[in-house]
Amino acid sequence: QWVYNILEKKAEADRIVHENPDPSNGFVLVPDLKWNQNQVGSSGLWCGAELSGGVPAGSCLHITYSKNPLSSALCFPSQEAIVKRFGVPGSQLRIYLHYQPSYHHLHVHFTALGYDAPGSSVERAHLLADVIDNLAMDSTYYQKRALTFPLRADEPLFKKFQEAGKV
């Protein structure tokens, strides 16, 4: 519900850095909740996206090239807004999606390269540029591809794998 409240401007409307209200490629760029916005290299921004018709994608697995809100409609305007507001150029940003995401609503993370953000390592983070390129090569790339990801022993999904005898 938190995500929908942000997208519908029922919450955190005063924290919006940039938004695109387009029903097909709309998104909202807001600072991470844990970030005070004073130290640019100490956290990042979160960008929630909607697919055409306002239907959210749960993760990168649910995106096809024909329903791809991640390309120039989201990435470049967000980078421009970050430069304008925080002075961090796009060349100094790590822009990625998580798989498995912490919650299943398509969102992109923008962090300064100097910030070692939790979940930004190669096992969990997929660079936005790579996701866009993969979808351009094969519009159903993420429906066909098996993605590996780490799980901590205390995560509920890990326990489900244990119960199923898969670990």
N, C-alpha and C. Protein backbone atom coordinates (compact mmCIF):
# COMPACT_ATOMS: atom_id res chain seq x y z
N GLN A 1 0.82 -1.19 0.00
CA GLN A 1 0.00 0.00 0.00
C GLN A 1 0.87 1.26 0.00
N TRP A 2 2.03 1.15 0.67
CA TRP A 2 2.95 2.28 0.71
C TRP A 2 3.32 2.76 -0.69
N VAL A 3 3.60 1.82 -1.60
CA VAL A 3 3.97 2.16 -2.98
C VAL A 3 2.82 2.89 -3.67
N TYR A 4 1.62 2.35 -3.54
CA TYR A 4 0.47 2.99 -4.20
C TYR A 4 0.20 4.37 -3.62
N ASN A 5 0.40 4.52 -2.33
CA ASN A 5 0.21 5.84 -1.72
C ASN A 5 1.18 6.87 -2.30
N ILE A 6 2.40 6.45 -2.57
CA ILE A 6 3.38 7.36 -3.19
C ILE A 6 2.95 7.66 -4.63
N LEU A 7 2.64 6.62 -5.39
CA LEU A 7 2.27 6.81 -6.79
C LEU A 7 1.01 7.66 -6.95
N GLU A 8 0.10 7.55 -5.99
CA GLU A 8 -1.14 8.33 -6.03
C GLU A 8 -1.03 9.65 -5.28
N LYS A 9 0.16 9.96 -4.79
CA LYS A 9 0.47 11.18 -4.05
C LYS A 9 -0.36 11.34 -2.77
N LYS A 10 -0.69 10.24 -2.16
CA LYS A 10 -1.35 10.26 -0.85
C LYS A 10 -0.31 10.30 0.27
N ALA A 11 0.94 10.01 -0.09
CA ALA A 11 2.04 10.03 0.87
C ALA A 11 3.30 10.52 0.17
N GLU A 12 4.13 11.21 0.91
CA GLU A 12 5.44 11.65 0.45
C GLU A 12 5.43 12.54 -0.78
N ALA A 13 4.32 13.19 -1.07
CA ALA A 13 4.24 14.07 -2.24
C ALA A 13 5.25 15.20 -2.15
N ASP A 14 5.56 15.63 -0.94
CA ASP A 14 6.53 16.72 -0.75
C ASP A 14 7.96 16.27 -1.00
N ARG A 15 8.21 14.96 -1.08
CA ARG A 15 9.57 14.43 -1.29
C ARG A 15 9.83 14.07 -2.75
N ILE A 16 8.87 14.24 -3.64
CA ILE A 16 9.04 13.86 -5.04
C ILE A 16 10.13 14.70 -5.69
N VAL A 17 11.10 14.03 -6.29
CA VAL A 17 12.20 14.69 -6.99
C VAL A 17 11.81 14.91 -8.46
N HIS A 18 11.13 13.92 -9.03
CA HIS A 18 10.68 14.01 -10.42
C HIS A 18 9.53 13.03 -10.60
N GLU A 19 8.64 13.35 -11.53
CA GLU A 19 7.56 12.42 -11.85
C GLU A 19 7.15 12.57 -13.30
N ASN A 20 6.60 11.51 -13.81
CA ASN A 20 6.01 11.49 -15.14
C ASN A 20 4.63 10.89 -14.97
N PRO A 21 3.56 11.70 -15.13
CA PRO A 21 2.21 11.20 -14.90
C PRO A 21 1.62 10.40 -16.06
N ASP A 22 2.39 10.18 -17.12
CA ASP A 22 1.89 9.46 -18.29
C ASP A 22 1.33 8.11 -17.89
N PRO A 23 0.09 7.78 -18.30
CA PRO A 23 -0.50 6.50 -17.89
C PRO A 23 0.23 5.27 -18.45
N SER A 24 0.97 5.43 -19.54
CA SER A 24 1.70 4.29 -20.12
C SER A 24 3.10 4.14 -19.56
N ASN A 25 3.78 5.25 -19.32
CA ASN A 25 5.18 5.19 -18.90
C ASN A 25 5.43 6.00 -17.64
N GLY A 26 4.41 6.19 -16.82
CA GLY A 26 4.54 7.04 -15.65
C GLY A 26 5.40 6.44 -14.56
N PHE A 27 5.98 7.34 -13.75
CA PHE A 27 6.78 6.91 -12.61
C PHE A 27 6.93 8.08 -11.65
N VAL A 28 7.38 7.76 -10.46
CA VAL A 28 7.66 8.76 -9.43
C VAL A 28 9.05 8.47 -8.88
N LEU A 29 9.89 9.51 -8.79
CA LEU A 29 11.23 9.39 -8.25
C LEU A 29 11.26 10.08 -6.89
N VAL A 30 11.53 9.31 -5.84
CA VAL A 30 11.57 9.86 -4.48
C VAL A 30 12.83 9.37 -3.77
N PRO A 31 13.33 10.15 -2.79
CA PRO A 31 14.48 9.69 -2.01
C PRO A 31 14.10 8.47 -1.17
N ASP A 32 15.07 7.63 -0.94
CA ASP A 32 14.89 6.49 -0.05
C ASP A 32 14.40 7.00 1.31
N LEU A 33 13.50 6.27 1.93
CA LEU A 33 12.93 6.68 3.22
C LEU A 33 13.98 6.89 4.31
N LYS A 34 15.07 6.14 4.25
CA LYS A 34 16.09 6.20 5.31
C LYS A 34 17.09 7.34 5.09
N TRP A 35 16.95 8.09 4.01
CA TRP A 35 17.94 9.10 3.65
C TRP A 35 17.48 10.49 4.03
N ASN A 36 18.36 11.24 4.68
CA ASN A 36 18.02 12.61 5.09
C ASN A 36 18.28 13.63 3.99
N GLN A 37 18.82 13.20 2.86
CA GLN A 37 19.11 14.01 1.68
C GLN A 37 20.22 15.03 1.89
N ASN A 38 20.94 14.97 2.99
CA ASN A 38 22.04 15.89 3.24
C ASN A 38 23.36 15.38 2.68
N GLN A 39 23.64 14.10 2.85
CA GLN A 39 24.87 13.51 2.35
C GLN A 39 24.54 12.70 1.10
N VAL A 40 24.92 13.24 -0.05
CA VAL A 40 24.54 12.63 -1.32
C VAL A 40 25.05 11.20 -1.46
N GLY A 41 26.21 10.89 -0.96
CA GLY A 41 26.77 9.55 -1.12
C GLY A 41 26.33 8.56 -0.06
N SER A 42 25.34 8.91 0.77
CA SER A 42 24.99 8.03 1.88
C SER A 42 23.70 7.23 1.66
N SER A 43 23.03 7.40 0.59
CA SER A 43 21.85 6.61 0.28
C SER A 43 21.48 6.84 -1.16
N GLY A 44 20.22 6.64 -1.49
CA GLY A 44 19.84 6.78 -2.88
C GLY A 44 18.40 7.15 -3.06
N LEU A 45 17.95 7.00 -4.29
CA LEU A 45 16.58 7.32 -4.63
C LEU A 45 15.89 6.07 -5.13
N TRP A 46 14.61 6.09 -5.01
CA TRP A 46 13.76 4.98 -5.41
C TRP A 46 12.84 5.49 -6.48
N CYS A 47 12.63 4.73 -7.51
CA CYS A 47 11.75 5.14 -8.60
C CYS A 47 10.73 4.05 -8.83
N GLY A 48 9.47 4.33 -8.53
CA GLY A 48 8.40 3.38 -8.75
C GLY A 48 7.78 3.61 -10.10
N ALA A 49 7.49 2.56 -10.84
CA ALA A 49 6.96 2.69 -12.20
C ALA A 49 5.65 1.93 -12.34
N GLU A 50 4.86 2.38 -13.27
CA GLU A 50 3.63 1.70 -13.67
C GLU A 50 3.78 1.27 -15.11
N LEU A 51 3.17 0.17 -15.47
CA LEU A 51 3.15 -0.24 -16.87
C LEU A 51 1.89 0.32 -17.52
N SER A 52 1.75 0.08 -18.79
CA SER A 52 0.64 0.66 -19.52
C SER A 52 -0.69 0.30 -18.88
N GLY A 53 -1.54 1.29 -18.78
CA GLY A 53 -2.84 1.11 -18.15
C GLY A 53 -2.77 1.10 -16.64
N GLY A 54 -1.63 1.48 -16.07
CA GLY A 54 -1.51 1.54 -14.62
C GLY A 54 -1.31 0.18 -13.98
N VAL A 55 -0.98 -0.83 -14.77
CA VAL A 55 -0.78 -2.17 -14.22
C VAL A 55 0.67 -2.30 -13.78
N PRO A 56 0.91 -2.55 -12.49
CA PRO A 56 2.30 -2.65 -12.03
C PRO A 56 2.93 -3.98 -12.39
N ALA A 57 4.21 -3.96 -12.65
CA ALA A 57 4.97 -5.19 -12.81
C ALA A 57 5.55 -5.54 -11.46
N GLY A 58 5.63 -6.81 -11.16
CA GLY A 58 6.16 -7.22 -9.87
C GLY A 58 7.67 -7.14 -9.79
N SER A 59 8.36 -7.48 -10.87
CA SER A 59 9.82 -7.46 -10.90
C SER A 59 10.24 -7.45 -12.36
N CYS A 60 11.56 -7.55 -12.57
CA CYS A 60 12.05 -7.56 -13.95
C CYS A 60 11.53 -8.77 -14.73
N LEU A 61 11.11 -9.83 -14.04
CA LEU A 61 10.58 -11.00 -14.73
C LEU A 61 9.26 -10.71 -15.44
N HIS A 62 8.58 -9.66 -15.05
CA HIS A 62 7.26 -9.35 -15.60
C HIS A 62 7.30 -8.31 -16.71
N ILE A 63 8.48 -7.89 -17.11
CA ILE A 63 8.60 -6.86 -18.14
C ILE A 63 8.85 -7.51 -19.49
N THR A 64 8.18 -7.00 -20.50
CA THR A 64 8.51 -7.36 -21.88
C THR A 64 8.91 -6.07 -22.57
N TYR A 65 9.51 -6.18 -23.73
CA TYR A 65 9.97 -4.97 -24.42
C TYR A 65 8.79 -4.07 -24.78
N SER A 66 7.65 -4.68 -25.12
CA SER A 66 6.49 -3.86 -25.50
C SER A 66 5.89 -3.14 -24.30
N LYS A 67 6.15 -3.62 -23.08
CA LYS A 67 5.68 -2.97 -21.86
C LYS A 67 6.89 -2.60 -21.02
N ASN A 68 7.78 -1.82 -21.60
CA ASN A 68 9.04 -1.49 -20.95
C ASN A 68 9.06 -0.03 -20.54
N PRO A 69 8.75 0.28 -19.28
CA PRO A 69 8.77 1.66 -18.81
C PRO A 69 10.15 2.11 -18.38
N LEU A 70 11.15 1.28 -18.62
CA LEU A 70 12.47 1.54 -18.05
C LEU A 70 13.39 2.35 -18.95
N SER A 71 13.09 2.43 -20.21
CA SER A 71 14.01 3.03 -21.16
C SER A 71 14.13 4.53 -20.96
N SER A 72 14.26 5.26 -22.01
CA SER A 72 14.50 6.70 -21.92
C SER A 72 13.37 7.44 -21.20
N ALA A 73 12.18 6.87 -21.19
CA ALA A 73 11.06 7.53 -20.51
C ALA A 73 11.30 7.64 -19.01
N LEU A 74 12.05 6.73 -18.43
CA LEU A 74 12.31 6.74 -17.00
C LEU A 74 13.75 7.13 -16.68
N CYS A 75 14.69 6.51 -17.33
CA CYS A 75 16.10 6.64 -16.95
C CYS A 75 16.64 8.04 -17.15
N PHE A 76 16.54 8.58 -18.35
CA PHE A 76 17.17 9.87 -18.63
C PHE A 76 16.52 11.02 -17.86
N PRO A 77 15.19 11.11 -17.79
CA PRO A 77 14.62 12.19 -16.98
C PRO A 77 15.00 12.09 -15.50
N SER A 78 15.11 10.88 -14.99
CA SER A 78 15.50 10.69 -13.59
C SER A 78 16.94 11.15 -13.37
N GLN A 79 17.82 10.79 -14.30
CA GLN A 79 19.21 11.22 -14.18
C GLN A 79 19.31 12.74 -14.22
N GLU A 80 18.57 13.37 -15.12
CA GLU A 80 18.58 14.83 -15.22
C GLU A 80 18.08 15.47 -13.93
N ALA A 81 17.03 14.90 -13.34
CA ALA A 81 16.49 15.44 -12.09
C ALA A 81 17.49 15.28 -10.94
N ILE A 82 18.22 14.17 -10.93
CA ILE A 82 19.22 13.92 -9.88
C ILE A 82 20.38 14.91 -10.01
N VAL A 83 20.83 15.16 -11.24
CA VAL A 83 21.90 16.14 -11.45
C VAL A 83 21.44 17.52 -10.98
N LYS A 84 20.24 17.89 -11.37
CA LYS A 84 19.72 19.22 -11.03
C LYS A 84 19.55 19.39 -9.52
N ARG A 85 19.02 18.39 -8.85
CA ARG A 85 18.71 18.52 -7.43
C ARG A 85 19.89 18.22 -6.52
N PHE A 86 20.71 17.21 -6.91
CA PHE A 86 21.77 16.75 -6.01
C PHE A 86 23.18 16.93 -6.57
N GLY A 87 23.29 17.31 -7.85
CA GLY A 87 24.61 17.54 -8.44
C GLY A 87 25.38 16.28 -8.77
N VAL A 88 24.72 15.13 -8.82
CA VAL A 88 25.40 13.87 -9.13
C VAL A 88 25.11 13.52 -10.58
N PRO A 89 26.15 13.49 -11.44
CA PRO A 89 25.93 13.17 -12.85
C PRO A 89 25.59 11.69 -13.05
N GLY A 90 24.92 11.39 -14.15
CA GLY A 90 24.54 10.02 -14.46
C GLY A 90 25.71 9.06 -14.49
N SER A 91 26.90 9.56 -14.88
CA SER A 91 28.08 8.70 -14.93
C SER A 91 28.54 8.27 -13.54
N GLN A 92 28.02 8.91 -12.49
CA GLN A 92 28.40 8.58 -11.11
C GLN A 92 27.27 7.86 -10.37
N LEU A 93 26.29 7.34 -11.12
CA LEU A 93 25.16 6.64 -10.52
C LEU A 93 25.19 5.15 -10.83
N ARG A 94 24.78 4.37 -9.88
CA ARG A 94 24.50 2.94 -10.07
C ARG A 94 22.98 2.86 -10.16
N ILE A 95 22.48 2.39 -11.29
CA ILE A 95 21.04 2.35 -11.53
C ILE A 95 20.67 0.88 -11.74
N TYR A 96 19.84 0.35 -10.85
CA TYR A 96 19.61 -1.09 -10.88
C TYR A 96 18.23 -1.48 -10.34
N LEU A 97 17.87 -2.72 -10.63
CA LEU A 97 16.68 -3.37 -10.08
C LEU A 97 17.15 -4.55 -9.25
N HIS A 98 16.38 -4.90 -8.26
CA HIS A 98 16.69 -6.09 -7.47
C HIS A 98 15.92 -7.30 -8.01
N TYR A 99 16.56 -8.44 -7.94
CA TYR A 99 15.86 -9.71 -8.09
C TYR A 99 16.51 -10.66 -7.10
N GLN A 100 15.75 -11.12 -6.23
CA GLN A 100 14.38 -10.91 -5.83
C GLN A 100 14.22 -9.50 -5.24
N PRO A 101 13.14 -8.82 -5.60
CA PRO A 101 12.92 -7.50 -5.00
C PRO A 101 12.40 -7.62 -3.57
N SER A 102 12.57 -6.56 -2.80
CA SER A 102 12.09 -6.57 -1.42
C SER A 102 10.57 -6.51 -1.37
N TYR A 103 9.96 -5.94 -2.38
CA TYR A 103 8.50 -5.98 -2.54
C TYR A 103 8.21 -6.01 -4.03
N HIS A 104 7.13 -6.66 -4.39
CA HIS A 104 6.85 -6.93 -5.79
C HIS A 104 6.03 -5.82 -6.44
N HIS A 105 6.68 -4.71 -6.65
CA HIS A 105 6.17 -3.62 -7.47
C HIS A 105 7.40 -3.06 -8.16
N LEU A 106 7.35 -2.98 -9.48
CA LEU A 106 8.53 -2.58 -10.23
C LEU A 106 9.09 -1.27 -9.70
N HIS A 107 10.35 -1.29 -9.34
CA HIS A 107 11.03 -0.09 -8.89
C HIS A 107 12.51 -0.18 -9.24
N VAL A 108 13.11 0.98 -9.40
CA VAL A 108 14.50 1.10 -9.80
C VAL A 108 15.22 1.89 -8.72
N HIS A 109 16.45 1.51 -8.41
CA HIS A 109 17.27 2.21 -7.43
C HIS A 109 18.32 3.05 -8.16
N PHE A 110 18.51 4.27 -7.68
CA PHE A 110 19.56 5.17 -8.16
C PHE A 110 20.44 5.48 -6.95
N THR A 111 21.70 5.05 -6.97
CA THR A 111 22.61 5.35 -5.86
C THR A 111 23.93 5.88 -6.41
N ALA A 112 24.60 6.70 -5.61
CA ALA A 112 25.93 7.18 -5.97
C ALA A 112 26.88 5.99 -5.97
N LEU A 113 27.80 5.97 -6.92
CA LEU A 113 28.75 4.85 -7.03
C LEU A 113 29.55 4.64 -5.75
N GLY A 114 29.82 5.71 -5.01
CA GLY A 114 30.60 5.59 -3.78
C GLY A 114 29.84 5.00 -2.62
N TYR A 115 28.53 4.85 -2.74
CA TYR A 115 27.71 4.32 -1.66
C TYR A 115 27.54 2.81 -1.86
N ASP A 116 27.94 2.03 -0.89
CA ASP A 116 27.79 0.57 -0.95
C ASP A 116 26.40 0.22 -0.42
N ALA A 117 25.42 0.39 -1.27
CA ALA A 117 24.02 0.18 -0.87
C ALA A 117 23.75 -1.30 -0.62
N PRO A 118 22.96 -1.60 0.42
CA PRO A 118 22.57 -3.00 0.64
C PRO A 118 21.85 -3.54 -0.59
N GLY A 119 22.23 -4.71 -1.03
CA GLY A 119 21.57 -5.33 -2.18
C GLY A 119 22.05 -4.82 -3.53
N SER A 120 23.14 -4.03 -3.53
CA SER A 120 23.63 -3.53 -4.82
C SER A 120 24.70 -4.42 -5.43
N SER A 121 25.00 -5.53 -4.76
CA SER A 121 26.02 -6.44 -5.27
C SER A 121 25.48 -7.23 -6.46
N VAL A 122 26.39 -7.85 -7.17
CA VAL A 122 26.06 -8.52 -8.42
C VAL A 122 25.06 -9.67 -8.23
N GLU A 123 25.00 -10.26 -7.05
CA GLU A 123 24.09 -11.39 -6.86
C GLU A 123 22.62 -10.97 -6.86
N ARG A 124 22.34 -9.74 -6.50
CA ARG A 124 20.95 -9.31 -6.35
C ARG A 124 20.57 -8.17 -7.28
N ALA A 125 21.53 -7.36 -7.67
CA ALA A 125 21.24 -6.17 -8.48
C ALA A 125 21.46 -6.45 -9.96
N HIS A 126 20.55 -5.95 -10.78
CA HIS A 126 20.66 -6.06 -12.24
C HIS A 126 20.66 -4.64 -12.78
N LEU A 127 21.76 -4.25 -13.40
CA LEU A 127 21.89 -2.90 -13.90
C LEU A 127 20.79 -2.59 -14.91
N LEU A 128 20.22 -1.41 -14.78
CA LEU A 128 19.12 -1.01 -15.66
C LEU A 128 19.53 -1.06 -17.13
N ALA A 129 20.73 -0.60 -17.45
CA ALA A 129 21.19 -0.62 -18.84
C ALA A 129 21.20 -2.04 -19.39
N ASP A 130 21.61 -3.02 -18.57
CA ASP A 130 21.62 -4.41 -19.01
C ASP A 130 20.21 -4.94 -19.21
N VAL A 131 19.30 -4.58 -18.31
CA VAL A 131 17.90 -5.01 -18.44
C VAL A 131 17.31 -4.47 -19.74
N ILE A 132 17.54 -3.19 -20.01
CA ILE A 132 17.03 -2.58 -21.25
C ILE A 132 17.60 -3.28 -22.47
N ASP A 133 18.93 -3.52 -22.47
CA ASP A 133 19.56 -4.21 -23.61
C ASP A 133 19.03 -5.63 -23.78
N ASN A 134 18.87 -6.35 -22.69
CA ASN A 134 18.35 -7.72 -22.78
C ASN A 134 16.95 -7.74 -23.38
N LEU A 135 16.12 -6.80 -22.97
CA LEU A 135 14.76 -6.73 -23.51
C LEU A 135 14.75 -6.31 -24.98
N ALA A 136 15.70 -5.47 -25.38
CA ALA A 136 15.79 -5.06 -26.78
C ALA A 136 16.18 -6.24 -27.67
N MET A 137 17.05 -7.13 -27.15
CA MET A 137 17.47 -8.31 -27.91
C MET A 137 16.36 -9.35 -28.00
N ASP A 138 15.61 -9.50 -26.90
CA ASP A 138 14.54 -10.49 -26.84
C ASP A 138 13.47 -9.93 -25.91
N SER A 139 12.33 -9.60 -26.47
CA SER A 139 11.29 -8.91 -25.70
C SER A 139 10.77 -9.73 -24.52
N THR A 140 10.98 -11.03 -24.54
CA THR A 140 10.54 -11.88 -23.43
C THR A 140 11.73 -12.50 -22.68
N TYR A 141 12.86 -11.83 -22.74
CA TYR A 141 14.09 -12.33 -22.15
C TYR A 141 13.89 -12.80 -20.71
N TYR A 142 13.25 -11.99 -19.89
CA TYR A 142 13.14 -12.32 -18.47
C TYR A 142 12.06 -13.36 -18.17
N GLN A 143 11.20 -13.66 -19.13
CA GLN A 143 10.28 -14.77 -18.94
C GLN A 143 10.98 -16.11 -19.21
N LYS A 144 12.06 -16.08 -19.97
CA LYS A 144 12.77 -17.29 -20.37
C LYS A 144 14.00 -17.58 -19.51
N ARG A 145 14.54 -16.57 -18.90
CA ARG A 145 15.83 -16.67 -18.21
C ARG A 145 15.65 -17.05 -16.75
N ALA A 146 16.47 -17.96 -16.28
CA ALA A 146 16.51 -18.28 -14.85
C ALA A 146 17.46 -17.29 -14.20
N LEU A 147 17.01 -16.64 -13.15
CA LEU A 147 17.85 -15.69 -12.42
C LEU A 147 18.17 -16.26 -11.05
N THR A 148 19.43 -16.27 -10.71
CA THR A 148 19.83 -16.74 -9.39
C THR A 148 19.88 -15.54 -8.45
N PHE A 149 19.73 -15.82 -7.16
CA PHE A 149 19.75 -14.76 -6.17
C PHE A 149 20.06 -15.37 -4.81
N PRO A 150 20.71 -14.59 -3.95
CA PRO A 150 21.03 -15.11 -2.61
C PRO A 150 19.85 -14.95 -1.66
N LEU A 151 19.80 -15.81 -0.70
CA LEU A 151 18.80 -15.71 0.37
C LEU A 151 19.49 -15.89 1.70
N ARG A 152 19.12 -15.06 2.67
CA ARG A 152 19.62 -15.23 4.03
C ARG A 152 18.83 -16.36 4.69
N ALA A 153 19.42 -16.99 5.66
CA ALA A 153 18.77 -18.11 6.35
C ALA A 153 17.50 -17.69 7.07
N ASP A 154 17.36 -16.42 7.42
CA ASP A 154 16.18 -15.98 8.15
C ASP A 154 15.06 -15.46 7.23
N GLU A 155 15.25 -15.52 5.92
CA GLU A 155 14.21 -15.04 5.00
C GLU A 155 13.11 -16.09 4.83
N PRO A 156 11.86 -15.66 4.79
CA PRO A 156 10.74 -16.59 4.63
C PRO A 156 10.84 -17.46 3.37
N LEU A 157 11.33 -16.89 2.27
CA LEU A 157 11.45 -17.68 1.04
C LEU A 157 12.47 -18.80 1.21
N PHE A 158 13.56 -18.54 1.95
CA PHE A 158 14.55 -19.58 2.21
C PHE A 158 13.90 -20.73 2.98
N LYS A 159 13.08 -20.38 3.97
CA LYS A 159 12.40 -21.41 4.76
C LYS A 159 11.45 -22.24 3.89
N LYS A 160 10.80 -21.60 2.92
CA LYS A 160 9.92 -22.34 2.00
C LYS A 160 10.73 -23.32 1.14
N PHE A 161 11.92 -22.88 0.69
CA PHE A 161 12.79 -23.78 -0.06
C PHE A 161 13.22 -24.96 0.81
N GLN A 162 13.53 -24.69 2.09
CA GLN A 162 13.90 -25.76 3.00
C GLN A 162 12.77 -26.76 3.17
N GLU A 163 11.56 -26.22 3.40
CA GLU A 163 10.39 -27.10 3.60
C GLU A 163 10.12 -27.95 2.36
N ALA A 164 10.43 -27.44 1.19
CA ALA A 164 10.21 -28.18 -0.05
C ALA A 164 11.37 -29.11 -0.37
N GLY A 165 12.41 -29.13 0.47
CA GLY A 165 13.55 -29.99 0.25
C GLY A 165 14.45 -29.53 -0.88
N LYS A 166 14.43 -28.24 -1.20
CA LYS A 166 15.23 -27.70 -2.30
C LYS A 166 16.55 -27.13 -1.83
N VAL A 167 16.80 -27.11 -0.52
CA VAL A 167 18.05 -26.59 0.02
C VAL A 167 18.73 -27.67 0.84
